[in-house]
Each structure stands twice: as C-alpha cells, then as structure tokens.
Amino acid sequence: MLKGKKILLGVCSGIAAYKSAFLIRLLVKAGADVQVVMTPGAKDFITPLTLSTLSKKPVYSEFTSGTNGEWNNHIELGLKADLIIIAPATANTIAKMANGLCDNLLLAVYLSARCPVIFAPAMDLDMLKHPATQKNIDKLKSFGNIIIPPGTGELASGLHGEGRLAEPEQILNFVEDFFSRKKKLSDKKILISAGPTYEAIDPVRFIGNHSSGKMGVALAEEAAKEGAEVFLVIGPSSEKTNHPNIMRTDVTSAKEMYEACTALFKKTDIAIMSAAVADYRPAKPSPVKIKKKDTVLKIELEPTQDILAQLGKTKKKNQIVVGFALETNNEVENAKKKLKSKNLDFIVLNSLQDKKAGFRHNTNKISIIDSNNKISNFELKTKEEVAHDIIAHLIKKIKHA
C-alpha cells in the first residue's frame, strides 16, 4: 500500500521522539520513501544520524547545511511529499502550526506543503487538556489536517493519563488506511464559483459587493480533499488555494464569470455556484474617470446574464447543479422559488439576519433545501466545517441517485 509513497516525517522535541526511529523502520519496510525533517530541539532527544541511517536519507533540521551553506529548499520538500506526518507533535509545534508561525525548517515545510498532513500529539495530560492546546488542535482540524489521537498510559512526568504518542504500529496502520481509503469524489469533476464580481463604472470605480470568496474556496478545498478535480472560477479575492487538484480561473466581471462557467460546465459533473454575482452592471461604462460635479450622477444599469439559470437550463440528466441563496427576508420562501425557477438539485440558504454569518466572516450558518423541499438546518460553524457539510450532502445525493 505504501510502495513508492513519498512521506515526510516531522520529528519534534519531546521524549516520544525515540519512537520515530521505530516508525521510520516500519514505513521503509512497507515500501515508503521517508524524508525526515527535525525541529532543532528534537536533536536533544534522538540523533539525526540514527534517523538518517534508518531512512537512508540525509536528515534536515536547518535551512542550510554543509560547509558551503547549501539551502535546504523547504518549498521543494513540501511539494514532493505525498503525505506529511508530524510525530511526535508537541504542544509548542501544534501552537505554531495553528497560528502560522514559521521559525524553523519543519514549520516552513508545513506552510509550503499542498499534500495532506497527519499530526500525532504527544505531551503531558494537563498540557493536552489545556484550552489553548485544544483550541489549536481544533484549528488544525479545521484546516483539514488529520489527527491521530494520543494514547492513554504512563507519561514521562510519572502521571498516568492521555497524552502518549500513538504507537508506531498504530501510526503505520492509520497511514495505510489513509492511502487505501477510496476518496468519495475521486471520479468527479466539479465546477465551483466564488467571490464577488466587479462591474466597471469607469476605469477607477465599480459596483461590487462584500463577498470575500472564503466560502467558495473552502468548498473547493473540501471537494479536492475528497478526490475531485475542481475548476474554481473566482472573482476578485485575496483568498489563496492550496490543493493541487484545484484549477483556478480568476475573473473580474459577471460577464467573464459567465463565459468561464458556461465553458467549463460542459466538461464537469457538478456545479456549485457560491459566487455573489452582480445582478446589474452599468450599461455604458465611462472610458475615462468621471469627474465629481455638484449635480446628481445617474447611472443606467442593465441586467447581467444569469449564470445559475443558464446552467440549470442546459444541465444534462447526469449533471448536478447547486445554488446559493443569501437572503435578508422571507428567506425560505425566496430560496425555494430560486431552487425551482433555476432547476437546481439543492440550494444552500444563509441569511444576513444570522449573526456572524454571510460576508466577511470566518463562520456561516446554513440550511440546505433539496429539490423535494426537504430542509436540513445546521448550526453556526466555521466556513471550512460548513464546506464539509455541503460536500457531505452532495456525496449523499450522488450515492442515492
């Protein structure tokens, strides 16, 4: 199962680092190509020579090495890996990962990587149960990182409880299960739209909205994580995409988004239209900057092309189209009308009446309405968790189709 898999093992500075030697041996025996990156402090617990001998590769712990100070390219290390395992993952490293700190080579590799990341915590029970550590673990899980839960037993402090690093055999089994698991969207091509559109008034000004693109990017990452080939069409947004399965097309206007989405839809199985597309645009944008005057400025608006309606109209029998409805009043009734009029398979409703939901927030609160008008309500969650709920609903619909 692991034959030819490139695994980067991150070793942190804790007493459990000695188990990394056994883990390397098991991974190599299973056919994996193992590259070890240690934190500087980990060398106090186990020598790089030991891990290098077992992995049959140089062990890296600094940004440079050798007498001439050759650069250990953290970006290349991250991009080459099929999987990163951080074991043991100390409270300190978990905190740094969760908050984007980058003061050693391992953290730089972590921030550069596009592959899945598995982390196995190891620390004393009180450190593990501290609210700060629990919050950091939850944050890492929200990023899509996968935890191997710590075991219970005698700890280095002499106490007995939860916090032991999972045994090397358990970690190996976990990794083998990870690679053997068939991803639920591995044979699907998904089109996702995200972000706002900007409709030019003149070369300087535009009509737009407050969409950040966070929700659409979270959906793209979640779908890619489940094995889908994702085509993301995104309006002006500072949001970054990380997964190599995401093919990104950046657009500005509703017209550009329409053209990109209708072209890509022909070769996709599913479309999820989460973008906040302008309904109107200036009919005659000025080619030069409009100067301020004391008189009232009137701008004639014309409707933009309806992307969602077009996809619903042209979809084939085996295609699924999902829409979003952001409402301020009569939310359910308006969403149901949109669901029917645009021939959608289901619609995701969120209301601006809900606190911390909608634009510019890292959280959202949704309801999913199916084509049979069945409503599923969800609590306020992070947008990554909301994306997981939406993709899970999609997978269930595909399974029952």
Protein backbone atom coordinates (compact mmCIF):
# COMPACT_ATOMS: atom_id res chain seq x y z
CA MET A 1 0.00 0.00 0.00
CA LEU A 2 2.83 2.44 0.77
CA LYS A 3 5.16 1.34 -2.03
CA GLY A 4 6.61 4.42 -3.70
CA LYS A 5 4.76 6.87 -1.45
CA LYS A 6 6.86 9.88 -0.51
CA ILE A 7 6.35 10.54 3.20
CA LEU A 8 7.89 13.45 5.06
CA LEU A 9 8.20 12.70 8.75
CA GLY A 10 8.43 15.71 11.06
CA VAL A 11 10.01 14.96 14.43
CA CYS A 12 9.56 17.46 17.29
CA SER A 13 11.39 17.90 20.57
CA GLY A 14 9.74 15.58 23.05
CA ILE A 15 10.70 12.40 24.86
CA ALA A 16 8.46 10.47 22.46
CA ALA A 17 10.89 11.31 19.63
CA TYR A 18 12.57 7.97 20.27
CA LYS A 19 9.50 6.28 18.75
CA SER A 20 10.21 7.97 15.43
CA ALA A 21 13.07 5.53 14.85
CA PHE A 22 10.67 2.60 15.06
CA LEU A 23 8.14 4.42 12.88
CA ILE A 24 10.72 5.08 10.15
CA ARG A 25 11.71 1.44 10.13
CA LEU A 26 8.08 0.35 9.72
CA LEU A 27 7.39 2.87 6.94
CA VAL A 28 10.51 1.94 4.99
CA LYS A 29 9.73 -1.77 5.38
CA ALA A 30 6.24 -1.06 3.99
CA GLY A 31 7.84 0.46 0.86
CA ALA A 32 7.61 4.16 1.65
CA ASP A 33 10.26 6.71 0.70
CA VAL A 34 10.81 8.56 4.00
CA GLN A 35 12.35 12.00 4.36
CA VAL A 36 12.91 13.21 7.94
CA VAL A 37 12.79 16.86 9.00
CA MET A 38 13.52 17.54 12.68
CA THR A 39 12.99 20.63 14.76
CA PRO A 40 16.33 21.86 16.18
CA GLY A 41 15.30 20.83 19.69
CA ALA A 42 14.43 17.29 18.60
CA LYS A 43 18.17 16.58 18.25
CA ASP A 44 18.40 16.70 22.05
CA PHE A 45 16.22 13.58 22.21
CA ILE A 46 17.39 11.49 19.23
CA THR A 47 20.32 11.95 16.87
CA PRO A 48 19.95 12.80 13.18
CA LEU A 49 22.48 10.02 12.47
CA THR A 50 20.09 7.41 13.85
CA LEU A 51 17.16 8.66 11.73
CA SER A 52 19.33 9.14 8.66
CA THR A 53 20.64 5.57 8.91
CA LEU A 54 17.11 4.18 9.17
CA SER A 55 15.61 6.36 6.42
CA LYS A 56 18.69 6.07 4.17
CA LYS A 57 18.45 9.81 3.50
CA PRO A 58 20.03 12.95 4.96
CA VAL A 59 18.02 14.39 7.83
CA TYR A 60 17.25 18.11 7.68
CA SER A 61 16.78 20.42 10.65
CA GLU A 62 18.15 23.78 9.48
CA PHE A 63 17.53 25.99 6.45
CA THR A 64 21.10 25.46 5.30
CA SER A 65 23.57 22.61 5.63
CA GLY A 66 27.07 21.63 4.56
CA THR A 67 30.29 23.62 4.71
CA ASN A 68 29.14 25.93 1.93
CA GLY A 69 25.75 26.57 3.48
CA GLU A 70 23.63 24.85 0.81
CA TRP A 71 19.95 25.81 1.03
CA ASN A 72 17.56 23.08 2.15
CA ASN A 73 14.65 24.04 -0.08
CA HIS A 74 11.59 23.88 2.18
CA ILE A 75 9.21 24.53 -0.73
CA GLU A 76 10.60 21.62 -2.72
CA LEU A 77 10.45 19.36 0.35
CA GLY A 78 6.79 20.26 0.88
CA LEU A 79 5.74 19.87 -2.75
CA LYS A 80 7.46 16.50 -3.23
CA ALA A 81 5.63 14.80 -0.35
CA ASP A 82 2.51 12.68 -0.80
CA LEU A 83 1.91 12.94 2.94
CA ILE A 84 3.38 14.77 5.92
CA ILE A 85 3.34 13.02 9.30
CA ILE A 86 4.32 15.06 12.34
CA ALA A 87 5.02 12.60 15.14
CA PRO A 88 5.56 13.46 17.87
CA ALA A 89 3.70 16.76 17.53
CA THR A 90 4.41 18.78 20.67
CA ALA A 91 2.15 21.45 22.17
CA ASN A 92 4.65 24.07 21.00
CA THR A 93 4.69 22.90 17.38
CA ILE A 94 0.92 22.45 17.29
CA ALA A 95 0.51 26.04 18.52
CA LYS A 96 2.89 27.33 15.85
CA MET A 97 1.19 25.34 13.08
CA ALA A 98 -2.23 26.61 14.14
CA ASN A 99 -1.12 30.22 14.12
CA GLY A 100 1.12 30.27 11.06
CA LEU A 101 4.43 30.78 12.84
CA CYS A 102 7.50 29.82 10.87
CA ASP A 103 10.68 29.84 12.94
CA ASN A 104 12.17 26.52 11.87
CA LEU A 105 12.52 24.36 8.77
CA LEU A 106 9.73 21.93 9.66
CA LEU A 107 7.19 24.75 10.04
CA ALA A 108 8.33 26.27 6.73
CA VAL A 109 7.78 22.90 5.04
CA TYR A 110 4.35 22.60 6.66
CA LEU A 111 3.27 26.03 5.43
CA SER A 112 4.56 25.27 1.91
CA ALA A 113 3.03 21.81 1.53
CA ARG A 114 0.00 21.01 -0.59
CA CYS A 115 -0.34 17.38 0.48
CA PRO A 116 -2.42 16.02 3.38
CA VAL A 117 -0.94 16.47 6.87
CA ILE A 118 -1.33 13.98 9.73
CA PHE A 119 -0.23 15.00 13.22
CA ALA A 120 0.12 12.83 16.30
CA PRO A 121 0.15 14.83 19.56
CA ALA A 122 2.45 13.82 22.41
CA MET A 123 2.58 15.75 25.69
CA ASP A 124 1.64 15.61 29.34
CA LEU A 125 -2.08 15.22 30.07
CA ASP A 126 -2.53 18.72 31.57
CA MET A 127 -0.85 20.32 28.55
CA LEU A 128 -3.10 18.33 26.24
CA LYS A 129 -6.28 19.30 28.10
CA HIS A 130 -5.38 22.98 28.36
CA PRO A 131 -7.97 25.12 26.49
CA ALA A 132 -5.21 26.72 24.39
CA THR A 133 -3.97 23.34 23.15
CA GLN A 134 -7.49 22.10 22.49
CA LYS A 135 -8.26 25.28 20.53
CA ASN A 136 -5.09 24.85 18.46
CA ILE A 137 -5.92 21.22 17.71
CA ASP A 138 -9.43 22.22 16.62
CA LYS A 139 -7.95 24.91 14.40
CA LEU A 140 -5.60 22.43 12.73
CA LYS A 141 -8.51 20.07 12.12
CA SER A 142 -10.48 22.95 10.57
CA PHE A 143 -7.56 23.42 8.14
CA GLY A 144 -8.08 19.83 7.01
CA ASN A 145 -5.16 18.39 8.99
CA ILE A 146 -5.83 14.90 10.36
CA ILE A 147 -5.17 13.95 13.97
CA ILE A 148 -4.02 10.58 15.25
CA PRO A 149 -5.38 10.74 18.80
CA PRO A 150 -2.88 10.29 21.63
CA GLY A 151 -2.99 7.15 23.72
CA THR A 152 -3.52 6.72 27.44
CA GLY A 153 -0.91 5.31 29.79
CA GLU A 154 2.16 6.21 31.82
CA LEU A 155 3.62 9.59 30.87
CA ALA A 156 7.17 10.92 31.16
CA SER A 157 6.06 13.06 34.10
CA GLY A 158 5.17 9.94 36.05
CA LEU A 159 1.45 10.73 35.78
CA HIS A 160 -0.99 8.34 34.16
CA GLY A 161 -3.45 9.57 31.56
CA GLU A 162 -3.99 10.73 27.99
CA GLY A 163 -1.08 12.24 26.08
CA ARG A 164 1.16 9.35 24.98
CA LEU A 165 2.21 9.33 21.34
CA ALA A 166 0.34 6.65 19.43
CA GLU A 167 2.47 3.55 18.98
CA PRO A 168 4.43 3.29 15.69
CA GLU A 169 2.36 0.26 14.63
CA GLN A 170 -0.85 2.29 15.17
CA ILE A 171 0.51 5.18 13.13
CA LEU A 172 1.52 2.81 10.32
CA ASN A 173 -1.97 1.26 10.27
CA PHE A 174 -3.52 4.72 10.23
CA VAL A 175 -1.35 5.76 7.26
CA GLU A 176 -2.10 2.56 5.35
CA ASP A 177 -5.84 3.08 5.93
CA PHE A 178 -5.46 6.68 4.74
CA PHE A 179 -3.94 5.65 1.42
CA SER A 180 -6.28 2.69 0.92
CA ARG A 181 -9.42 4.75 1.52
CA LYS A 182 -11.19 5.49 -1.76
CA LYS A 183 -11.96 9.17 -1.88
CA LYS A 184 -15.67 9.71 -2.41
CA LEU A 185 -15.37 12.19 -5.28
CA SER A 186 -12.30 10.73 -6.97
CA ASP A 187 -14.10 10.23 -10.31
CA LYS A 188 -15.88 13.61 -10.34
CA LYS A 189 -15.15 16.94 -11.99
CA ILE A 190 -16.65 19.86 -10.09
CA LEU A 191 -17.11 23.48 -11.16
CA ILE A 192 -17.22 25.96 -8.25
CA SER A 193 -17.73 29.71 -8.46
CA ALA A 194 -16.62 32.01 -5.65
CA GLY A 195 -16.17 35.60 -4.60
CA PRO A 196 -17.72 38.82 -5.86
CA THR A 197 -17.82 40.38 -9.30
CA TYR A 198 -16.83 43.97 -10.03
CA GLU A 199 -18.82 45.84 -12.68
CA ALA A 200 -16.97 48.88 -14.02
CA ILE A 201 -18.49 52.35 -13.76
CA ASP A 202 -15.30 53.90 -15.15
CA PRO A 203 -11.62 52.83 -15.10
CA VAL A 204 -11.44 53.65 -11.37
CA ARG A 205 -14.83 52.80 -9.83
CA PHE A 206 -17.02 49.73 -9.86
CA ILE A 207 -20.22 48.23 -8.49
CA GLY A 208 -19.43 45.26 -6.25
CA ASN A 209 -20.35 43.52 -3.00
CA HIS A 210 -18.77 42.37 0.25
CA SER A 211 -18.12 38.73 -0.72
CA SER A 212 -14.60 37.59 0.24
CA GLY A 213 -14.59 34.24 -1.58
CA LYS A 214 -13.90 32.34 1.68
CA MET A 215 -16.91 30.04 1.33
CA GLY A 216 -16.20 29.09 -2.28
CA VAL A 217 -12.51 28.45 -1.61
CA ALA A 218 -13.41 26.27 1.40
CA LEU A 219 -15.76 24.27 -0.85
CA ALA A 220 -13.04 23.87 -3.47
CA GLU A 221 -10.53 22.64 -0.88
CA GLU A 222 -13.03 20.19 0.64
CA ALA A 223 -14.07 18.79 -2.76
CA ALA A 224 -10.41 18.41 -3.79
CA LYS A 225 -9.64 16.67 -0.50
CA GLU A 226 -12.33 14.13 -1.39
CA GLY A 227 -10.54 13.43 -4.67
CA ALA A 228 -12.48 15.65 -7.09
CA GLU A 229 -10.88 17.55 -9.95
CA VAL A 230 -12.01 21.09 -9.15
CA PHE A 231 -12.40 24.01 -11.53
CA LEU A 232 -12.63 27.15 -9.40
CA VAL A 233 -13.82 30.35 -11.09
CA ILE A 234 -13.25 33.16 -8.63
CA GLY A 235 -13.88 36.89 -8.71
CA PRO A 236 -11.57 39.50 -7.15
CA SER A 237 -10.42 37.90 -3.88
CA SER A 238 -7.31 37.69 -1.71
CA GLU A 239 -8.15 34.08 -0.74
CA LYS A 240 -5.48 31.52 -1.67
CA THR A 241 -5.97 27.94 -2.85
CA ASN A 242 -3.57 25.19 -1.79
CA HIS A 243 -4.70 21.81 -3.13
CA PRO A 244 -3.03 20.65 -6.37
CA ASN A 245 -6.39 19.30 -7.63
CA ILE A 246 -7.77 22.85 -7.89
CA MET A 247 -7.54 24.54 -11.29
CA ARG A 248 -8.16 28.22 -10.64
CA THR A 249 -9.52 30.81 -13.09
CA ASP A 250 -9.52 34.42 -11.86
CA VAL A 251 -12.13 36.74 -13.33
CA THR A 252 -13.42 40.24 -12.58
CA SER A 253 -16.86 40.85 -14.08
CA ALA A 254 -20.12 38.88 -14.22
CA LYS A 255 -19.65 38.56 -17.98
CA GLU A 256 -16.21 36.98 -17.53
CA MET A 257 -17.58 34.63 -14.86
CA TYR A 258 -20.49 33.67 -17.13
CA GLU A 259 -18.18 32.85 -20.03
CA ALA A 260 -15.79 30.83 -17.86
CA CYS A 261 -18.53 28.88 -16.05
CA THR A 262 -20.60 28.03 -19.13
CA ALA A 263 -17.49 26.83 -20.96
CA LEU A 264 -16.26 24.67 -18.05
CA PHE A 265 -19.71 23.28 -17.21
CA LYS A 266 -19.70 21.21 -20.40
CA LYS A 267 -16.91 19.00 -19.07
CA THR A 268 -17.94 18.77 -15.41
CA ASP A 269 -20.30 16.52 -13.47
CA ILE A 270 -21.29 19.01 -10.78
CA ALA A 271 -21.55 22.79 -10.46
CA ILE A 272 -21.68 24.60 -7.12
CA MET A 273 -22.36 28.28 -7.68
CA SER A 274 -21.41 30.05 -4.45
CA ALA A 275 -20.23 33.32 -6.04
CA ALA A 276 -22.01 36.58 -5.28
CA VAL A 277 -22.55 37.67 -8.89
CA ALA A 278 -23.82 41.17 -9.64
CA ASP A 279 -27.41 41.21 -10.93
CA TYR A 280 -26.85 44.53 -12.71
CA ARG A 281 -23.98 46.39 -14.37
CA PRO A 282 -23.56 49.89 -15.77
CA ALA A 283 -24.98 49.90 -19.31
CA LYS A 284 -22.35 52.31 -20.61
CA PRO A 285 -19.16 52.38 -18.51
CA SER A 286 -17.19 55.57 -19.00
CA PRO A 287 -13.82 55.06 -20.77
CA VAL A 288 -12.36 57.86 -18.61
CA LYS A 289 -12.63 58.70 -14.92
CA ILE A 290 -15.89 60.50 -14.15
CA LYS A 291 -15.18 63.85 -12.51
CA LYS A 292 -17.12 64.92 -9.46
CA LYS A 293 -19.76 67.61 -10.05
CA ASP A 294 -22.38 69.26 -7.88
CA THR A 295 -25.19 67.72 -9.93
CA VAL A 296 -26.76 64.31 -9.34
CA LEU A 297 -24.99 61.48 -11.19
CA LYS A 298 -27.31 58.96 -12.82
CA ILE A 299 -26.02 55.58 -13.92
CA GLU A 300 -28.19 53.42 -16.14
CA LEU A 301 -27.99 49.76 -15.17
CA GLU A 302 -28.70 46.68 -17.27
CA PRO A 303 -29.14 43.09 -16.07
CA THR A 304 -26.21 40.69 -16.18
CA GLN A 305 -26.51 37.19 -17.63
CA ASP A 306 -27.86 34.70 -15.08
CA ILE A 307 -25.16 32.04 -14.72
CA LEU A 308 -27.14 29.76 -12.40
CA ALA A 309 -30.25 29.84 -14.59
CA GLN A 310 -28.19 29.03 -17.66
CA LEU A 311 -26.53 26.03 -16.01
CA GLY A 312 -29.88 24.78 -14.69
CA LYS A 313 -31.38 25.15 -18.17
CA THR A 314 -28.59 23.34 -20.02
CA LYS A 315 -27.68 20.65 -17.49
CA LYS A 316 -27.78 17.07 -18.68
CA LYS A 317 -29.51 14.22 -16.88
CA ASN A 318 -26.34 13.12 -15.09
CA GLN A 319 -25.24 16.63 -14.02
CA ILE A 320 -25.92 18.23 -10.64
CA VAL A 321 -26.31 21.97 -10.11
CA VAL A 322 -26.18 23.52 -6.64
CA GLY A 323 -27.05 27.15 -5.93
CA PHE A 324 -26.67 29.56 -3.02
CA ALA A 325 -29.26 31.99 -1.71
CA LEU A 326 -28.22 34.87 0.54
CA GLU A 327 -31.41 36.46 1.84
CA THR A 328 -32.43 39.25 4.19
CA ASN A 329 -36.17 38.49 4.47
CA ASN A 330 -38.65 35.69 3.63
CA GLU A 331 -35.55 33.56 3.43
CA VAL A 332 -37.02 30.06 2.98
CA GLU A 333 -39.74 31.15 0.55
CA ASN A 334 -37.26 33.06 -1.62
CA ALA A 335 -34.79 30.18 -1.59
CA LYS A 336 -37.49 27.69 -2.62
CA LYS A 337 -38.50 29.92 -5.53
CA LYS A 338 -34.88 30.12 -6.69
CA LEU A 339 -34.49 26.36 -6.31
CA LYS A 340 -37.45 25.71 -8.61
CA SER A 341 -37.05 28.53 -11.14
CA LYS A 342 -33.40 27.71 -11.80
CA ASN A 343 -33.86 23.92 -11.93
CA LEU A 344 -31.41 23.20 -9.09
CA ASP A 345 -30.77 19.91 -7.35
CA PHE A 346 -30.42 21.64 -4.00
CA ILE A 347 -29.81 25.13 -2.68
CA VAL A 348 -27.77 26.40 0.25
CA LEU A 349 -29.51 29.17 2.16
CA ASN A 350 -27.88 31.64 4.50
CA SER A 351 -29.45 34.73 6.00
CA LEU A 352 -27.90 38.08 6.82
CA GLN A 353 -30.21 38.07 9.84
CA ASP A 354 -27.97 35.45 11.48
CA LYS A 355 -25.08 36.91 13.47
CA LYS A 356 -21.57 36.04 12.24
CA ALA A 357 -22.97 34.51 9.03
CA GLY A 358 -22.53 35.62 5.44
CA PHE A 359 -19.96 38.02 4.02
CA ARG A 360 -16.63 38.87 5.67
CA HIS A 361 -17.00 36.33 8.48
CA ASN A 362 -15.00 33.16 9.05
CA THR A 363 -18.23 31.48 10.13
CA ASN A 364 -21.54 30.75 8.45
CA LYS A 365 -24.93 29.31 9.30
CA ILE A 366 -26.77 27.48 6.56
CA SER A 367 -29.83 25.48 5.66
CA ILE A 368 -29.88 23.06 2.72
CA ILE A 369 -33.13 22.74 0.78
CA ASP A 370 -33.48 19.74 -1.55
CA SER A 371 -35.47 19.61 -4.78
CA ASN A 372 -38.27 17.90 -2.80
CA ASN A 373 -38.29 20.92 -0.41
CA LYS A 374 -36.81 18.91 2.46
CA ILE A 375 -34.87 21.32 4.70
CA SER A 376 -31.74 20.45 6.70
CA ASN A 377 -30.67 23.09 9.23
CA PHE A 378 -27.14 23.48 10.58
CA GLU A 379 -25.64 25.40 13.50
CA LEU A 380 -23.17 28.28 13.17
CA LYS A 381 -19.83 26.78 12.14
CA THR A 382 -16.54 27.76 10.56
CA LYS A 383 -16.72 28.04 6.78
CA GLU A 384 -14.43 25.01 6.50
CA GLU A 385 -16.90 22.98 8.56
CA VAL A 386 -19.82 24.35 6.51
CA ALA A 387 -17.99 23.29 3.34
CA HIS A 388 -17.63 19.80 4.81
CA ASP A 389 -21.40 19.66 5.50
CA ILE A 390 -22.26 20.80 1.96
CA ILE A 391 -19.88 18.34 0.29
CA ALA A 392 -21.15 15.54 2.57
CA HIS A 393 -24.72 16.37 1.47
CA LEU A 394 -23.58 16.31 -2.15
CA ILE A 395 -21.91 12.90 -1.70
CA LYS A 396 -25.08 11.52 -0.12
CA LYS A 397 -27.14 12.83 -3.05
CA ILE A 398 -24.77 11.23 -5.57
CA LYS A 399 -24.92 7.93 -3.68
CA HIS A 400 -28.74 7.91 -3.67
CA ALA A 401 -29.07 8.99 -7.30
